[in-house]
Amino acid sequence: MAVPAFVGHKNDMGRLKLLLTDLKPKSSYCLI
């Protein structure tokens, strides 16, 4: 997934969200 430099105007934002549903409470994970 990419955002080319010519998209939008200076300081515009694009957000891509990863939904996490099954993470167990009180445990640690690493996102790489």
Full PDB file with SEQRES, HELIX, SHEET, SSBOND, CRYST1, ORIGX, SCALE, CONECT and MASTER records, all heavy atoms in Angstrom:
SEQRES   1 A   32  MET ALA VAL PRO ALA PHE VAL GLY HIS LYS ASN ASP MET          
SEQRES   2 A   32  GLY ARG LEU LYS LEU LEU LEU THR ASP LEU LYS PRO LYS          
SEQRES   3 A   32  SER SER TYR CYS LEU ILE                                      
CRYST1    1.000    1.000    1.000  90.00  90.00  90.00 P 1           1          
ORIGX1      1.000000  0.000000  0.000000        0.00000                         
ORIGX2      0.000000  1.000000  0.000000        0.00000                         
ORIGX3      0.000000  0.000000  1.000000        0.00000                         
SCALE1      1.000000  0.000000  0.000000        0.00000                         
SCALE2      0.000000  1.000000  0.000000        0.00000                         
SCALE3      0.000000  0.000000  1.000000        0.00000                         
ATOM      1  N   MET A   1       0.852  -1.186   0.000  1.00  0.00           N  
ATOM      2  CA  MET A   1       0.000   0.000   0.000  1.00  0.00           C  
ATOM      3  C   MET A   1       0.890   1.238   0.000  1.00  0.00           C  
ATOM      4  O   MET A   1       1.888   1.297   0.715  1.00  0.00           O  
ATOM      5  CB  MET A   1      -0.918   0.016   1.215  1.00  0.00           C  
ATOM      6  CG  MET A   1      -1.938  -1.112   1.214  1.00  0.00           C  
ATOM      7  SD  MET A   1      -3.027  -1.123  -0.220  1.00  0.00           S  
ATOM      8  CE  MET A   1      -4.276   0.052   0.302  1.00  0.00           C  
ATOM      9  N   ALA A   2       0.509   2.227  -0.832  1.00  0.00           N  
ATOM     10  CA  ALA A   2       1.369   3.388  -1.004  1.00  0.00           C  
ATOM     11  C   ALA A   2       0.567   4.668  -1.140  1.00  0.00           C  
ATOM     12  O   ALA A   2      -0.597   4.659  -1.530  1.00  0.00           O  
ATOM     13  CB  ALA A   2       2.239   3.202  -2.250  1.00  0.00           C  
ATOM     14  N   VAL A   3       1.246   5.771  -0.817  1.00  0.00           N  
ATOM     15  CA  VAL A   3       0.733   7.105  -1.086  1.00  0.00           C  
ATOM     16  C   VAL A   3       1.789   7.799  -1.933  1.00  0.00           C  
ATOM     17  O   VAL A   3       2.874   8.098  -1.437  1.00  0.00           O  
ATOM     18  CB  VAL A   3       0.508   7.907   0.217  1.00  0.00           C  
ATOM     19  CG1 VAL A   3       0.064   9.320  -0.108  1.00  0.00           C  
ATOM     20  CG2 VAL A   3      -0.519   7.221   1.099  1.00  0.00           C  
ATOM     21  N   PRO A   4       1.501   8.035  -3.234  1.00  0.00           N  
ATOM     22  CA  PRO A   4       2.462   8.753  -4.070  1.00  0.00           C  
ATOM     23  C   PRO A   4       2.582  10.209  -3.631  1.00  0.00           C  
ATOM     24  O   PRO A   4       1.621  10.785  -3.117  1.00  0.00           O  
ATOM     25  CB  PRO A   4       1.868   8.667  -5.481  1.00  0.00           C  
ATOM     26  CG  PRO A   4       0.715   7.734  -5.394  1.00  0.00           C  
ATOM     27  CD  PRO A   4       0.307   7.632  -3.963  1.00  0.00           C  
ATOM     28  N   ALA A   5       3.745  10.813  -3.844  1.00  0.00           N  
ATOM     29  CA  ALA A   5       4.018  12.173  -3.371  1.00  0.00           C  
ATOM     30  C   ALA A   5       3.074  13.223  -3.954  1.00  0.00           C  
ATOM     31  O   ALA A   5       2.823  14.244  -3.335  1.00  0.00           O  
ATOM     32  CB  ALA A   5       5.466  12.551  -3.691  1.00  0.00           C  
ATOM     33  N   PHE A   6       2.552  12.984  -5.154  1.00  0.00           N  
ATOM     34  CA  PHE A   6       1.748  14.025  -5.815  1.00  0.00           C  
ATOM     35  C   PHE A   6       0.281  14.022  -5.383  1.00  0.00           C  
ATOM     36  O   PHE A   6      -0.501  14.841  -5.840  1.00  0.00           O  
ATOM     37  CB  PHE A   6       1.844  13.880  -7.339  1.00  0.00           C  
ATOM     38  CG  PHE A   6       1.484  12.504  -7.838  1.00  0.00           C  
ATOM     39  CD1 PHE A   6       0.165  12.113  -7.975  1.00  0.00           C  
ATOM     40  CD2 PHE A   6       2.487  11.586  -8.127  1.00  0.00           C  
ATOM     41  CE1 PHE A   6      -0.155  10.833  -8.412  1.00  0.00           C  
ATOM     42  CE2 PHE A   6       2.172  10.307  -8.562  1.00  0.00           C  
ATOM     43  CZ  PHE A   6       0.849   9.935  -8.708  1.00  0.00           C  
ATOM     44  N   VAL A   7      -0.129  13.110  -4.492  1.00  0.00           N  
ATOM     45  CA  VAL A   7      -1.526  13.035  -4.061  1.00  0.00           C  
ATOM     46  C   VAL A   7      -1.805  14.084  -2.993  1.00  0.00           C  
ATOM     47  O   VAL A   7      -1.057  14.223  -2.044  1.00  0.00           O  
ATOM     48  CB  VAL A   7      -1.839  11.628  -3.498  1.00  0.00           C  
ATOM     49  CG1 VAL A   7      -3.187  11.607  -2.806  1.00  0.00           C  
ATOM     50  CG2 VAL A   7      -1.795  10.591  -4.604  1.00  0.00           C  
ATOM     51  N   GLY A   8      -2.885  14.831  -3.162  1.00  0.00           N  
ATOM     52  CA  GLY A   8      -3.298  15.777  -2.125  1.00  0.00           C  
ATOM     53  C   GLY A   8      -2.433  17.024  -2.069  1.00  0.00           C  
ATOM     54  O   GLY A   8      -1.634  17.301  -2.957  1.00  0.00           O  
ATOM     55  N   HIS A   9      -2.603  17.784  -0.990  1.00  0.00           N  
ATOM     56  CA  HIS A   9      -1.869  19.026  -0.763  1.00  0.00           C  
ATOM     57  C   HIS A   9      -1.034  18.893   0.496  1.00  0.00           C  
ATOM     58  O   HIS A   9      -1.277  18.021   1.311  1.00  0.00           O  
ATOM     59  CB  HIS A   9      -2.848  20.194  -0.589  1.00  0.00           C  
ATOM     60  CG  HIS A   9      -3.761  20.368  -1.760  1.00  0.00           C  
ATOM     61  ND1 HIS A   9      -3.346  20.884  -2.964  1.00  0.00           N  
ATOM     62  CD2 HIS A   9      -5.073  20.045  -1.921  1.00  0.00           C  
ATOM     63  CE1 HIS A   9      -4.357  20.891  -3.813  1.00  0.00           C  
ATOM     64  NE2 HIS A   9      -5.419  20.386  -3.205  1.00  0.00           N  
ATOM     65  N   LYS A  10      -0.077  19.812   0.676  1.00  0.00           N  
ATOM     66  CA  LYS A  10       0.792  19.774   1.858  1.00  0.00           C  
ATOM     67  C   LYS A  10      -0.059  19.678   3.130  1.00  0.00           C  
ATOM     68  O   LYS A  10      -1.069  20.358   3.248  1.00  0.00           O  
ATOM     69  CB  LYS A  10       1.664  21.029   1.883  1.00  0.00           C  
ATOM     70  CG  LYS A  10       2.732  21.000   2.951  1.00  0.00           C  
ATOM     71  CD  LYS A  10       3.636  22.209   2.796  1.00  0.00           C  
ATOM     72  CE  LYS A  10       4.720  22.315   3.829  1.00  0.00           C  
ATOM     73  NZ  LYS A  10       4.547  21.742   5.128  1.00  0.00           N  
ATOM     74  N   ASN A  11       0.377  18.815   4.040  1.00  0.00           N  
ATOM     75  CA  ASN A  11      -0.279  18.573   5.329  1.00  0.00           C  
ATOM     76  C   ASN A  11      -1.592  17.808   5.246  1.00  0.00           C  
ATOM     77  O   ASN A  11      -2.234  17.594   6.260  1.00  0.00           O  
ATOM     78  CB  ASN A  11      -0.487  19.864   6.134  1.00  0.00           C  
ATOM     79  CG  ASN A  11       0.835  20.567   6.420  1.00  0.00           C  
ATOM     80  OD1 ASN A  11       1.885  19.941   6.396  1.00  0.00           O  
ATOM     81  ND2 ASN A  11       0.785  21.857   6.661  1.00  0.00           N  
ATOM     82  N   ASP A  12      -2.030  17.398   4.060  1.00  0.00           N  
ATOM     83  CA  ASP A  12      -3.186  16.502   3.966  1.00  0.00           C  
ATOM     84  C   ASP A  12      -2.812  15.155   4.584  1.00  0.00           C  
ATOM     85  O   ASP A  12      -1.644  14.785   4.618  1.00  0.00           O  
ATOM     86  CB  ASP A  12      -3.584  16.267   2.494  1.00  0.00           C  
ATOM     87  CG  ASP A  12      -4.478  17.370   1.940  1.00  0.00           C  
ATOM     88  OD1 ASP A  12      -4.745  18.347   2.660  1.00  0.00           O  
ATOM     89  OD2 ASP A  12      -4.883  17.245   0.774  1.00  0.00           O  
ATOM     90  N   MET A  13      -3.811  14.430   5.062  1.00  0.00           N  
ATOM     91  CA  MET A  13      -3.592  13.140   5.723  1.00  0.00           C  
ATOM     92  C   MET A  13      -4.346  12.023   5.022  1.00  0.00           C  
ATOM     93  O   MET A  13      -5.476  12.227   4.587  1.00  0.00           O  
ATOM     94  CB  MET A  13      -4.140  13.171   7.151  1.00  0.00           C  
ATOM     95  CG  MET A  13      -3.621  14.281   8.011  1.00  0.00           C  
ATOM     96  SD  MET A  13      -2.016  13.873   8.648  1.00  0.00           S  
ATOM     97  CE  MET A  13      -1.777  15.262   9.721  1.00  0.00           C  
ATOM     98  N   GLY A  14      -3.724  10.850   4.997  1.00  0.00           N  
ATOM     99  CA  GLY A  14      -4.402   9.636   4.555  1.00  0.00           C  
ATOM    100  C   GLY A  14      -4.203   8.572   5.613  1.00  0.00           C  
ATOM    101  O   GLY A  14      -3.082   8.379   6.085  1.00  0.00           O  
ATOM    102  N   ARG A  15      -5.281   7.908   6.023  1.00  0.00           N  
ATOM    103  CA  ARG A  15      -5.170   6.918   7.100  1.00  0.00           C  
ATOM    104  C   ARG A  15      -5.673   5.562   6.654  1.00  0.00           C  
ATOM    105  O   ARG A  15      -6.738   5.456   6.061  1.00  0.00           O  
ATOM    106  CB  ARG A  15      -5.978   7.372   8.316  1.00  0.00           C  
ATOM    107  CG  ARG A  15      -5.390   8.588   8.972  1.00  0.00           C  
ATOM    108  CD  ARG A  15      -6.143   8.989  10.227  1.00  0.00           C  
ATOM    109  NE  ARG A  15      -5.859  10.381  10.512  1.00  0.00           N  
ATOM    110  CZ  ARG A  15      -6.606  11.399  10.098  1.00  0.00           C  
ATOM    111  NH1 ARG A  15      -7.716  11.186   9.423  1.00  0.00           N  
ATOM    112  NH2 ARG A  15      -6.257  12.629  10.383  1.00  0.00           N  
ATOM    113  N   LEU A  16      -4.897   4.550   6.975  1.00  0.00           N  
ATOM    114  CA  LEU A  16      -5.251   3.167   6.680  1.00  0.00           C  
ATOM    115  C   LEU A  16      -5.285   2.443   8.012  1.00  0.00           C  
ATOM    116  O   LEU A  16      -4.307   2.454   8.757  1.00  0.00           O  
ATOM    117  CB  LEU A  16      -4.180   2.571   5.764  1.00  0.00           C  
ATOM    118  CG  LEU A  16      -4.434   1.194   5.186  1.00  0.00           C  
ATOM    119  CD1 LEU A  16      -5.681   1.197   4.310  1.00  0.00           C  
ATOM    120  CD2 LEU A  16      -3.226   0.755   4.366  1.00  0.00           C  
ATOM    121  N   LYS A  17      -6.427   1.828   8.311  1.00  0.00           N  
ATOM    122  CA  LYS A  17      -6.634   1.264   9.647  1.00  0.00           C  
ATOM    123  C   LYS A  17      -6.666  -0.257   9.598  1.00  0.00           C  
ATOM    124  O   LYS A  17      -7.351  -0.847   8.769  1.00  0.00           O  
ATOM    125  CB  LYS A  17      -7.956   1.808  10.193  1.00  0.00           C  
ATOM    126  CG  LYS A  17      -8.174   1.525  11.660  1.00  0.00           C  
ATOM    127  CD  LYS A  17      -9.467   2.148  12.150  1.00  0.00           C  
ATOM    128  CE  LYS A  17      -9.303   3.630  12.406  1.00  0.00           C  
ATOM    129  NZ  LYS A  17     -10.476   4.199  13.094  1.00  0.00           N  
ATOM    130  N   LEU A  18      -5.907  -0.872  10.497  1.00  0.00           N  
ATOM    131  CA  LEU A  18      -5.903  -2.325  10.665  1.00  0.00           C  
ATOM    132  C   LEU A  18      -6.777  -2.639  11.874  1.00  0.00           C  
ATOM    133  O   LEU A  18      -6.481  -2.197  12.987  1.00  0.00           O  
ATOM    134  CB  LEU A  18      -4.471  -2.807  10.901  1.00  0.00           C  
ATOM    135  CG  LEU A  18      -4.288  -4.257  11.330  1.00  0.00           C  
ATOM    136  CD1 LEU A  18      -4.845  -5.214  10.296  1.00  0.00           C  
ATOM    137  CD2 LEU A  18      -2.811  -4.550  11.564  1.00  0.00           C  
ATOM    138  N   LEU A  19      -7.873  -3.362  11.644  1.00  0.00           N  
ATOM    139  CA  LEU A  19      -8.777  -3.698  12.744  1.00  0.00           C  
ATOM    140  C   LEU A  19      -8.306  -4.984  13.417  1.00  0.00           C  
ATOM    141  O   LEU A  19      -8.061  -5.986  12.752  1.00  0.00           O  
ATOM    142  CB  LEU A  19     -10.204  -3.875  12.214  1.00  0.00           C  
ATOM    143  CG  LEU A  19     -10.762  -2.666  11.458  1.00  0.00           C  
ATOM    144  CD1 LEU A  19     -12.170  -2.941  10.967  1.00  0.00           C  
ATOM    145  CD2 LEU A  19     -10.738  -1.419  12.317  1.00  0.00           C  
ATOM    146  N   LEU A  20      -8.142  -4.922  14.719  1.00  0.00           N  
ATOM    147  CA  LEU A  20      -7.673  -6.076  15.493  1.00  0.00           C  
ATOM    148  C   LEU A  20      -8.816  -6.545  16.372  1.00  0.00           C  
ATOM    149  O   LEU A  20      -9.300  -5.797  17.209  1.00  0.00           O  
ATOM    150  CB  LEU A  20      -6.489  -5.667  16.378  1.00  0.00           C  
ATOM    151  CG  LEU A  20      -5.286  -5.080  15.646  1.00  0.00           C  
ATOM    152  CD1 LEU A  20      -4.299  -4.504  16.646  1.00  0.00           C  
ATOM    153  CD2 LEU A  20      -4.619  -6.137  14.797  1.00  0.00           C  
ATOM    154  N   THR A  21      -9.242  -7.783  16.184  1.00  0.00           N  
ATOM    155  CA  THR A  21     -10.416  -8.214  16.934  1.00  0.00           C  
ATOM    156  C   THR A  21     -10.113  -9.190  18.061  1.00  0.00           C  
ATOM    157  O   THR A  21     -10.758  -9.160  19.084  1.00  0.00           O  
ATOM    158  CB  THR A  21     -11.443  -8.852  15.985  1.00  0.00           C  
ATOM    159  OG1 THR A  21     -10.753  -9.719  15.103  1.00  0.00           O  
ATOM    160  CG2 THR A  21     -12.149  -7.790  15.176  1.00  0.00           C  
ATOM    161  N   ASP A  22      -9.126 -10.040  17.896  1.00  0.00           N  
ATOM    162  CA  ASP A  22      -8.974 -11.139  18.858  1.00  0.00           C  
ATOM    163  C   ASP A  22      -7.771 -11.036  19.798  1.00  0.00           C  
ATOM    164  O   ASP A  22      -7.242 -12.054  20.222  1.00  0.00           O  
ATOM    165  CB  ASP A  22      -8.872 -12.477  18.100  1.00  0.00           C  
ATOM    166  CG  ASP A  22     -10.110 -12.697  17.253  1.00  0.00           C  
ATOM    167  OD1 ASP A  22     -11.192 -12.295  17.708  1.00  0.00           O  
ATOM    168  OD2 ASP A  22      -9.983 -13.257  16.147  1.00  0.00           O  
ATOM    169  N   LEU A  23      -7.305  -9.826  20.096  1.00  0.00           N  
ATOM    170  CA  LEU A  23      -6.150  -9.729  20.989  1.00  0.00           C  
ATOM    171  C   LEU A  23      -6.591  -9.984  22.429  1.00  0.00           C  
ATOM    172  O   LEU A  23      -7.592  -9.456  22.883  1.00  0.00           O  
ATOM    173  CB  LEU A  23      -5.501  -8.348  20.882  1.00  0.00           C  
ATOM    174  CG  LEU A  23      -4.933  -7.968  19.516  1.00  0.00           C  
ATOM    175  CD1 LEU A  23      -4.069  -6.735  19.658  1.00  0.00           C  
ATOM    176  CD2 LEU A  23      -4.131  -9.085  18.894  1.00  0.00           C  
ATOM    177  N   LYS A  24      -5.821 -10.814  23.119  1.00  0.00           N  
ATOM    178  CA  LYS A  24      -6.184 -11.150  24.501  1.00  0.00           C  
ATOM    179  C   LYS A  24      -5.734 -10.047  25.451  1.00  0.00           C  
ATOM    180  O   LYS A  24      -4.637  -9.520  25.318  1.00  0.00           O  
ATOM    181  CB  LYS A  24      -5.485 -12.456  24.917  1.00  0.00           C  
ATOM    182  CG  LYS A  24      -5.942 -13.653  24.122  1.00  0.00           C  
ATOM    183  CD  LYS A  24      -5.175 -14.898  24.581  1.00  0.00           C  
ATOM    184  CE  LYS A  24      -5.591 -16.114  23.806  1.00  0.00           C  
ATOM    185  NZ  LYS A  24      -5.173 -16.062  22.390  1.00  0.00           N  
ATOM    186  N   PRO A  25      -6.575  -9.719  26.450  1.00  0.00           N  
ATOM    187  CA  PRO A  25      -6.162  -8.731  27.459  1.00  0.00           C  
ATOM    188  C   PRO A  25      -4.941  -9.226  28.236  1.00  0.00           C  
ATOM    189  O   PRO A  25      -4.699 -10.425  28.318  1.00  0.00           O  
ATOM    190  CB  PRO A  25      -7.372  -8.610  28.379  1.00  0.00           C  
ATOM    191  CG  PRO A  25      -8.509  -9.221  27.644  1.00  0.00           C  
ATOM    192  CD  PRO A  25      -7.931 -10.194  26.666  1.00  0.00           C  
ATOM    193  N   LYS A  26      -4.193  -8.281  28.782  1.00  0.00           N  
ATOM    194  CA  LYS A  26      -3.027  -8.565  29.629  1.00  0.00           C  
ATOM    195  C   LYS A  26      -1.991  -9.455  28.939  1.00  0.00           C  
ATOM    196  O   LYS A  26      -1.414 -10.352  29.531  1.00  0.00           O  
ATOM    197  CB  LYS A  26      -3.456  -9.181  30.961  1.00  0.00           C  
ATOM    198  CG  LYS A  26      -4.327  -8.263  31.790  1.00  0.00           C  
ATOM    199  CD  LYS A  26      -4.399  -8.702  33.234  1.00  0.00           C  
ATOM    200  CE  LYS A  26      -5.065  -7.721  34.154  1.00  0.00           C  
ATOM    201  NZ  LYS A  26      -6.104  -6.864  33.607  1.00  0.00           N  
ATOM    202  N   SER A  27      -1.773  -9.191  27.663  1.00  0.00           N  
ATOM    203  CA  SER A  27      -0.706  -9.906  26.964  1.00  0.00           C  
ATOM    204  C   SER A  27      -0.022  -8.919  26.029  1.00  0.00           C  
ATOM    205  O   SER A  27      -0.564  -7.865  25.715  1.00  0.00           O  
ATOM    206  CB  SER A  27      -1.269 -11.096  26.190  1.00  0.00           C  
ATOM    207  OG  SER A  27      -2.432 -10.742  25.510  1.00  0.00           O  
ATOM    208  N   SER A  28       1.194  -9.258  25.605  1.00  0.00           N  
ATOM    209  CA  SER A  28       1.883  -8.327  24.724  1.00  0.00           C  
ATOM    210  C   SER A  28       2.031  -8.908  23.329  1.00  0.00           C  
ATOM    211  O   SER A  28       2.077 -10.123  23.136  1.00  0.00           O  
ATOM    212  CB  SER A  28       3.230  -7.919  25.308  1.00  0.00           C  
ATOM    213  OG  SER A  28       3.983  -9.033  25.634  1.00  0.00           O  
ATOM    214  N   TYR A  29       2.081  -7.996  22.376  1.00  0.00           N  
ATOM    215  CA  TYR A  29       2.196  -8.334  20.965  1.00  0.00           C  
ATOM    216  C   TYR A  29       3.250  -7.440  20.339  1.00  0.00           C  
ATOM    217  O   TYR A  29       3.584  -6.387  20.879  1.00  0.00           O  
ATOM    218  CB  TYR A  29       0.859  -8.097  20.248  1.00  0.00           C  
ATOM    219  CG  TYR A  29      -0.232  -9.026  20.703  1.00  0.00           C  
ATOM    220  CD1 TYR A  29      -1.031  -8.704  21.783  1.00  0.00           C  
ATOM    221  CD2 TYR A  29      -0.453 -10.242  20.063  1.00  0.00           C  
ATOM    222  CE1 TYR A  29      -2.031  -9.560  22.225  1.00  0.00           C  
ATOM    223  CE2 TYR A  29      -1.446 -11.107  20.498  1.00  0.00           C  
ATOM    224  CZ  TYR A  29      -2.231 -10.757  21.568  1.00  0.00           C  
ATOM    225  OH  TYR A  29      -3.211 -11.613  21.996  1.00  0.00           O  
ATOM    226  N   CYS A  30       3.730  -7.853  19.198  1.00  0.00           N  
ATOM    227  CA  CYS A  30       4.651  -7.027  18.439  1.00  0.00           C  
ATOM    228  C   CYS A  30       4.117  -6.894  17.023  1.00  0.00           C  
ATOM    229  O   CYS A  30       3.810  -7.893  16.377  1.00  0.00           O  
ATOM    230  CB  CYS A  30       6.034  -7.665  18.417  1.00  0.00           C  
ATOM    231  SG  CYS A  30       7.234  -6.671  17.505  1.00  0.00           S  
ATOM    232  N   LEU A  31       3.980  -5.660  16.572  1.00  0.00           N  
ATOM    233  CA  LEU A  31       3.585  -5.390  15.199  1.00  0.00           C  
ATOM    234  C   LEU A  31       4.861  -5.069  14.426  1.00  0.00           C  
ATOM    235  O   LEU A  31       5.602  -4.159  14.801  1.00  0.00           O  
ATOM    236  CB  LEU A  31       2.639  -4.187  15.157  1.00  0.00           C  
ATOM    237  CG  LEU A  31       2.053  -3.872  13.787  1.00  0.00           C  
ATOM    238  CD1 LEU A  31       0.945  -4.872  13.461  1.00  0.00           C  
ATOM    239  CD2 LEU A  31       1.504  -2.462  13.744  1.00  0.00           C  
ATOM    240  N   ILE A  32       5.137  -5.856  13.400  1.00  0.00           N  
ATOM    241  CA  ILE A  32       6.338  -5.659  12.584  1.00  0.00           C  
ATOM    242  C   ILE A  32       5.868  -5.317  11.170  1.00  0.00           C  
ATOM    243  O   ILE A  32       4.934  -5.936  10.662  1.00  0.00           O  
ATOM    244  CB  ILE A  32       7.200  -6.941  12.567  1.00  0.00           C  
ATOM    245  CG1 ILE A  32       7.579  -7.328  13.994  1.00  0.00           C  
ATOM    246  CG2 ILE A  32       8.446  -6.745  11.713  1.00  0.00           C  
ATOM    247  CD1 ILE A  32       8.299  -8.657  14.107  1.00  0.00           C  
TER     248      ILE A  32                                                      
MASTER        0    0    0    0    0    0    0    6  247    1    0    3          
END                                                                             
